Protein backbone atom coordinates (compact mmCIF):
# COMPACT_ATOMS: atom_id res chain seq x y z
CA MET A 1 0.00 0.00 0.00
CA HIS A 2 1.45 3.34 -1.02
CA ILE A 3 1.36 5.77 1.88
CA SER A 4 1.68 8.83 -0.35
CA ARG A 5 -1.83 8.11 -1.70
CA ALA A 6 -3.20 9.48 1.59
CA LEU A 7 -2.23 12.91 0.31
CA THR A 8 -3.15 12.48 -3.34
CA ILE A 9 -6.02 9.98 -3.19
CA VAL A 10 -8.46 12.91 -3.19
CA ALA A 11 -9.25 12.40 -6.85
CA SER A 12 -8.15 8.94 -7.81
CA PHE A 13 -9.18 6.37 -5.17
CA TYR A 14 -6.70 3.93 -6.65
CA LEU A 15 -4.29 2.02 -4.41
CA THR A 16 -2.13 -0.02 -6.74
CA ILE A 17 0.45 1.66 -8.97
CA LEU A 18 2.23 0.33 -12.06
CA ALA A 19 5.88 1.33 -12.42
CA GLY A 20 6.98 3.56 -15.30
CA THR A 21 10.26 5.17 -16.37
CA ILE A 22 11.17 8.63 -17.57
CA PRO A 23 12.75 8.45 -21.04
CA PRO A 24 16.00 10.27 -21.88
CA LEU A 25 15.32 13.85 -22.97
CA GLN A 26 16.88 15.31 -26.10
CA ALA A 27 17.97 18.96 -26.15
CA GLN A 28 16.31 19.64 -29.50
CA ASN A 29 12.93 18.61 -28.04
CA LEU A 30 12.84 21.23 -25.30
CA LEU A 31 10.93 24.43 -24.96
CA PRO A 32 13.17 27.52 -24.58
CA ASP A 33 11.72 28.32 -21.16
CA SER A 34 11.24 24.75 -19.96
CA SER A 35 14.24 24.35 -17.66
CA VAL A 36 12.97 24.22 -14.08
CA GLN A 37 14.24 23.10 -10.71
CA VAL A 38 13.07 19.78 -9.29
CA ILE A 39 13.40 18.35 -5.78
CA LEU A 40 14.57 14.74 -5.82
CA PRO A 41 14.57 12.27 -2.89
CA ASP A 42 17.98 11.18 -1.66
CA THR A 43 17.39 7.68 -3.06
CA LEU A 44 17.55 9.20 -6.53
CA SER A 45 20.59 11.38 -5.96
CA GLY A 46 22.68 9.20 -3.67
CA ASN A 47 23.00 12.09 -1.18
CA GLU A 48 21.45 12.67 2.21
CA GLY A 49 18.17 14.56 2.41
CA LEU A 50 16.52 16.19 -0.59
CA VAL A 51 18.49 17.64 -3.49
CA ARG A 52 17.42 20.39 -5.88
CA VAL A 53 18.58 19.84 -9.46
CA ARG A 54 17.82 21.50 -12.79
CA VAL A 55 15.82 19.38 -15.24
CA ALA A 56 14.55 20.24 -18.69
CA LEU A 57 10.90 19.45 -19.33
CA PRO A 58 10.04 17.65 -22.56
CA LEU A 59 8.22 19.46 -25.31
CA ALA A 60 4.71 18.03 -25.31
CA ASP A 61 4.55 17.24 -29.04
CA SER A 62 7.93 15.50 -29.07
CA LEU A 63 6.62 12.65 -26.92
CA ILE A 64 3.63 11.76 -29.12
CA PRO A 65 4.19 9.35 -31.99
CA PRO A 66 3.03 10.96 -35.28
CA ARG A 67 -0.03 8.73 -35.49
CA ARG A 68 -1.26 10.08 -32.15
CA ARG A 69 -0.76 13.78 -32.77
CA SER A 70 -3.88 15.90 -32.84
CA PRO A 71 -4.17 18.28 -35.81
CA LEU A 72 -3.97 21.97 -34.98
CA ASP A 73 -7.56 22.53 -36.03
CA LEU A 74 -8.64 20.37 -33.08
CA THR A 75 -7.24 22.88 -30.60
CA ARG A 76 -10.01 23.76 -28.17
CA ALA A 77 -11.58 27.17 -28.46
CA HIS A 78 -12.23 27.33 -24.70
CA TRP A 79 -9.28 25.88 -22.82
CA LYS A 80 -8.63 29.01 -20.74
CA ARG A 81 -10.45 30.20 -17.64
CA THR A 82 -9.84 32.48 -14.67
CA VAL A 83 -10.48 31.29 -11.12
CA SER A 84 -10.35 34.10 -8.54
CA HIS A 85 -9.38 33.16 -4.98
CA ASP A 86 -7.47 34.30 -1.88
CA SER A 87 -6.73 30.80 -0.60
CA PHE A 88 -3.03 30.16 -1.30
CA GLN A 89 0.16 31.77 -2.60
CA ILE A 90 3.83 31.12 -3.35
CA GLY A 91 5.76 30.11 -0.24
CA GLU A 92 2.92 28.29 1.47
CA GLU A 93 4.03 25.11 3.26
CA LEU A 94 1.77 22.73 5.18
CA VAL A 95 3.29 20.07 7.45
CA TYR A 96 1.32 16.97 8.49
CA LYS A 97 1.79 14.12 10.95
CA VAL A 98 0.88 10.80 9.33
CA LYS A 99 -0.57 7.97 11.45
CA PHE A 100 -1.49 4.44 10.49
CA GLY A 101 -3.92 3.24 13.13
CA PRO A 102 -2.30 4.09 16.49
CA LEU A 103 1.22 4.25 15.02
CA THR A 104 2.97 7.47 13.99
CA ALA A 105 4.07 6.62 10.46
CA GLY A 106 5.88 9.78 9.37
CA GLU A 107 5.62 13.32 8.07
CA ALA A 108 4.13 14.82 4.91
CA ARG A 109 4.58 18.28 3.41
CA LEU A 110 2.61 20.23 0.83
CA SER A 111 4.32 23.32 -0.56
CA ILE A 112 4.00 25.89 -3.34
CA ARG A 113 7.63 26.37 -4.32
CA SER A 114 7.49 28.92 -7.12
CA ILE A 115 5.77 30.25 -10.20
CA THR A 116 7.52 29.04 -13.35
CA GLN A 117 6.57 28.60 -17.02
CA PHE A 118 5.17 25.63 -18.93
CA ASP A 119 4.56 26.01 -22.67
CA GLY A 120 4.35 29.78 -22.20
CA ARG A 121 1.84 29.62 -19.33
CA PRO A 122 2.58 30.76 -15.75
CA VAL A 123 2.21 27.74 -13.43
CA TYR A 124 2.50 27.05 -9.73
CA GLU A 125 5.17 24.48 -8.89
CA ILE A 126 3.45 22.42 -6.19
CA VAL A 127 5.38 19.68 -4.41
CA SER A 128 4.31 17.05 -1.90
CA THR A 129 6.78 14.91 0.01
CA ILE A 130 6.24 12.13 2.49
CA GLN A 131 8.81 10.29 4.57
CA THR A 132 8.31 7.62 7.19
CA ALA A 133 9.56 8.11 10.75
CA SER A 134 12.65 6.19 11.81
CA GLY A 135 10.64 3.73 13.92
CA PHE A 136 8.06 3.01 11.22
CA SER A 137 10.82 2.74 8.58
CA ARG A 138 11.95 -0.46 10.25
CA ILE A 139 8.60 -1.92 9.18
CA TYR A 140 8.15 -0.12 5.85
CA GLN A 141 10.23 2.78 4.52
CA VAL A 142 8.75 5.50 2.32
CA LYS A 143 10.40 8.52 0.67
CA ASP A 144 8.04 9.91 -1.97
CA LEU A 145 7.85 13.09 -4.00
CA VAL A 146 4.98 14.24 -6.22
CA ARG A 147 5.29 17.44 -8.27
CA SER A 148 2.56 19.23 -10.21
CA LEU A 149 2.56 22.29 -12.48
CA VAL A 150 -0.77 24.06 -12.04
CA ASP A 151 -2.09 26.88 -14.20
CA VAL A 152 -1.98 30.10 -12.15
CA ASP A 153 -5.09 31.59 -13.75
CA GLY A 154 -7.29 28.53 -14.24
CA ILE A 155 -6.12 26.19 -11.41
CA PHE A 156 -5.84 23.09 -13.61
CA SER A 157 -2.94 20.77 -14.31
CA TRP A 158 -0.39 20.87 -17.13
CA TYR A 159 2.09 18.32 -15.77
CA ILE A 160 2.46 15.77 -12.97
CA GLU A 161 5.50 13.72 -12.01
CA GLU A 162 5.91 11.13 -9.26
CA HIS A 163 9.08 9.73 -7.69
CA LEU A 164 8.06 6.88 -5.40
CA ARG A 165 10.39 5.00 -3.06
CA GLU A 166 8.22 2.65 -0.98
CA GLY A 167 9.83 -0.44 0.51
CA ARG A 168 11.20 -2.39 -2.43
CA TYR A 169 8.94 -0.53 -4.84
CA ASN A 170 10.55 2.23 -6.95
CA ALA A 171 8.77 4.19 -9.67
CA ASP A 172 9.36 7.39 -11.63
CA ARG A 173 6.62 8.54 -13.98
CA TRP A 174 5.11 11.66 -15.52
CA ILE A 175 2.05 12.83 -17.44
CA ILE A 176 1.73 15.91 -19.65
CA LEU A 177 -1.80 17.29 -19.87
CA ASN A 178 -2.19 19.15 -23.16
CA GLN A 179 -5.25 21.14 -22.17
CA LYS A 180 -5.23 22.99 -25.50
CA GLU A 181 -5.85 19.82 -27.52
CA GLY A 182 -7.61 17.69 -24.91
CA LEU A 183 -4.89 15.02 -24.65
CA ALA A 184 -2.82 13.55 -21.83
CA TYR A 185 0.28 11.54 -22.62
CA ASN A 186 3.43 9.99 -21.27
CA ASP A 187 6.08 7.85 -22.92
CA ARG A 188 3.69 4.90 -23.28
CA ASP A 189 0.18 6.08 -24.00
CA THR A 190 -2.15 8.91 -25.03
CA VAL A 191 -5.70 9.44 -23.76
CA ALA A 192 -8.37 12.07 -24.37
CA ILE A 193 -9.19 14.29 -21.39
CA ALA A 194 -12.04 16.60 -20.44
CA PRO A 195 -11.49 20.37 -20.24
CA PHE A 196 -9.63 21.51 -17.09
CA THR A 197 -8.69 17.99 -16.01
CA GLN A 198 -6.90 17.84 -12.66
CA ASP A 199 -4.12 15.62 -11.37
CA VAL A 200 -3.89 14.12 -7.89
CA LEU A 201 -2.28 17.28 -6.44
CA SER A 202 -3.90 20.06 -8.43
CA ILE A 203 -7.40 18.93 -7.43
CA ILE A 204 -6.64 19.78 -3.79
CA TYR A 205 -5.88 23.38 -4.76
CA PHE A 206 -8.84 23.54 -7.11
CA ILE A 207 -11.14 22.58 -4.22
CA ARG A 208 -9.47 25.25 -2.08
CA SER A 209 -10.07 27.86 -4.79
CA GLN A 210 -13.83 27.24 -4.76
CA SER A 211 -16.57 28.71 -2.63
CA LEU A 212 -17.63 26.02 -0.14
CA GLN A 213 -21.03 25.63 1.50
CA ASP A 214 -23.10 22.86 3.03
CA GLY A 215 -24.71 20.64 0.40
CA LYS A 216 -22.62 21.88 -2.51
CA ILE A 217 -21.23 19.39 -5.05
CA ILE A 218 -18.14 20.35 -7.08
CA GLN A 219 -17.75 18.39 -10.31
CA THR A 220 -14.35 17.86 -11.84
CA GLU A 221 -12.33 15.38 -13.88
CA ASN A 222 -9.15 13.74 -12.67
CA ILE A 223 -6.34 11.71 -14.20
CA ALA A 224 -4.03 9.34 -12.33
CA ASN A 225 -1.62 6.86 -13.88
CA MET A 226 -3.23 7.53 -17.31
CA LYS A 227 -6.69 6.57 -16.03
CA ARG A 228 -9.54 9.10 -16.04
CA TYR A 229 -11.88 9.54 -13.09
CA PRO A 230 -15.03 11.70 -13.05
CA VAL A 231 -15.29 13.00 -9.49
CA ASP A 232 -18.06 14.69 -7.51
CA VAL A 233 -16.74 16.48 -4.42
CA HIS A 234 -19.45 16.60 -1.73
CA ILE A 235 -19.32 19.42 0.84
CA SER A 236 -20.94 18.86 4.25
CA GLN A 237 -21.74 21.17 7.16
CA SER A 238 -18.99 22.67 9.25
CA GLU A 239 -17.60 21.17 12.46
CA ARG A 240 -14.82 22.23 14.82
CA ILE A 241 -11.53 20.28 14.61
CA ARG A 242 -8.56 20.52 16.98
CA VAL A 243 -5.09 19.53 15.74
CA LYS A 244 -1.54 20.49 16.74
CA ALA A 245 -1.63 23.49 14.36
CA GLY A 246 -4.67 24.90 16.17
CA GLU A 247 -8.45 24.74 16.35
CA PHE A 248 -10.46 25.26 13.17
CA ASP A 249 -14.06 25.36 12.04
CA CYS A 250 -14.06 22.98 9.07
CA PHE A 251 -16.15 21.77 6.18
CA GLN A 252 -16.13 18.03 5.65
CA VAL A 253 -15.22 17.21 2.05
CA GLU A 254 -15.72 13.79 0.46
CA PRO A 255 -14.72 13.02 -3.14
CA ARG A 256 -16.83 10.30 -4.76
CA TYR A 257 -16.95 8.73 -8.18
CA ARG A 258 -19.69 10.30 -10.26
CA PRO A 259 -22.88 8.19 -10.46
CA GLY A 260 -22.70 5.89 -13.47
CA PHE A 261 -18.92 5.48 -13.36
CA GLN A 262 -18.29 1.76 -13.65
CA GLN A 263 -15.70 1.27 -10.93
CA THR A 264 -15.95 0.60 -7.21
CA PRO A 265 -13.55 2.53 -4.96
CA LYS A 266 -11.27 0.40 -2.78
CA GLY A 267 -11.34 2.90 0.06
CA ARG A 268 -13.10 5.96 1.39
CA MET A 269 -11.45 9.31 1.84
CA GLU A 270 -12.62 12.22 4.02
CA LEU A 271 -11.06 15.67 4.17
CA TRP A 272 -11.65 18.49 6.62
CA VAL A 273 -10.98 21.97 5.17
CA SER A 274 -10.92 25.13 7.25
CA ASN A 275 -14.05 27.25 6.94
CA ASP A 276 -12.19 30.48 6.19
CA SER A 277 -10.60 32.25 3.25
CA ARG A 278 -7.52 29.95 3.26
CA LYS A 279 -9.43 26.63 3.15
CA LEU A 280 -6.48 24.77 4.65
CA PRO A 281 -6.64 20.95 4.57
CA ILE A 282 -6.69 20.27 8.32
CA ARG A 283 -7.31 16.52 8.51
CA ILE A 284 -7.32 13.77 5.89
CA ILE A 285 -8.54 10.26 6.71
CA THR A 286 -8.36 7.35 4.28
CA ARG A 287 -10.44 4.36 5.39
CA LEU A 288 -9.32 1.02 3.97
CA PRO A 289 -10.44 -2.58 4.55
CA PHE A 290 -7.29 -3.26 6.61
CA GLY A 291 -7.09 0.00 8.60
CA SER A 292 -7.17 3.78 8.39
CA LEU A 293 -4.53 6.34 7.50
CA LYS A 294 -4.79 9.76 9.15
CA MET A 295 -2.97 13.00 8.36
CA GLU A 296 -3.33 16.01 10.65
CA LEU A 297 -1.91 19.50 10.19
CA GLU A 298 1.00 20.15 12.54
CA SER A 299 2.19 23.54 11.30
CA PHE A 300 1.87 25.96 8.41
CA SER A 301 3.84 28.90 7.05
CA GLY A 302 3.70 31.34 4.15
CA VAL A 303 -0.10 31.26 4.00
CA THR A 304 -2.25 34.08 2.67
CA PRO A 305 -3.54 36.71 5.13
CA LEU A 306 -6.80 35.63 6.72
CA ILE A 307 -9.72 37.58 5.27
CA THR A 308 -12.57 38.27 7.67
CA ARG A 309 -15.94 37.86 6.04
CA THR A 310 -18.51 40.62 6.42
CA ASP A 311 -22.13 39.46 6.27
């Protein structure tokens, strides 16, 4: 079971992951502005801790075999949107304690590292990391990193990469979401996607960018491991939650597969989001047949100023 799914299971509900590899990148296939910094786990670099290196992103078209390329006249007329919010900003970092049943399993972090460019669009560089505590690592060691490039204006995904080091399981994979042409692809496959499709990280920030109220349902589309998932996010009435980071009035948020989707989820996920302008994820619980995984906010920094509502 992949512990990092507790953070990113919001949209996908899948628990098993197939390994993939990142192909060698050729200099002639790169966008001029596509060189960005990436955080890699120490198991990738051979050094202690996390290492920041400079990696060139592949040009989207260069990875599609000619038979899969979409003609230019299929470019969507409406692939742009503007989502206004005051919920998050560059420099935000959220730190979580991760527990499996009664055991403290480790620590997870969600951070907005920078604004960079992808195919000429300004994007948030959002990174999640999770690492097991020394005691739990004797049972099962995890050092994972997931990185997403999220459109600053529209809060939808352009790119997702995962570097997973979980026990004996290692995987490195990526997906480019060509929102202009309605295609998602990696080195192995190409699939059609709905407008404004989210990845397993960007959907968290999309939910935070929305107005939340009891009884509201937010519809979105998600992609994970080249599989598409139509998701309805159900918002329930507020309750007060106490964690190490403080005490918060929260909405309860539950993502569910859209009615009619022919797949049964293998677990149930519940999320508590602060009922304020920041909409911080305060608690995340994933309920599975063999136990529950809980993440609770320990600390936060770099968040947006709290806006007091006037009724």
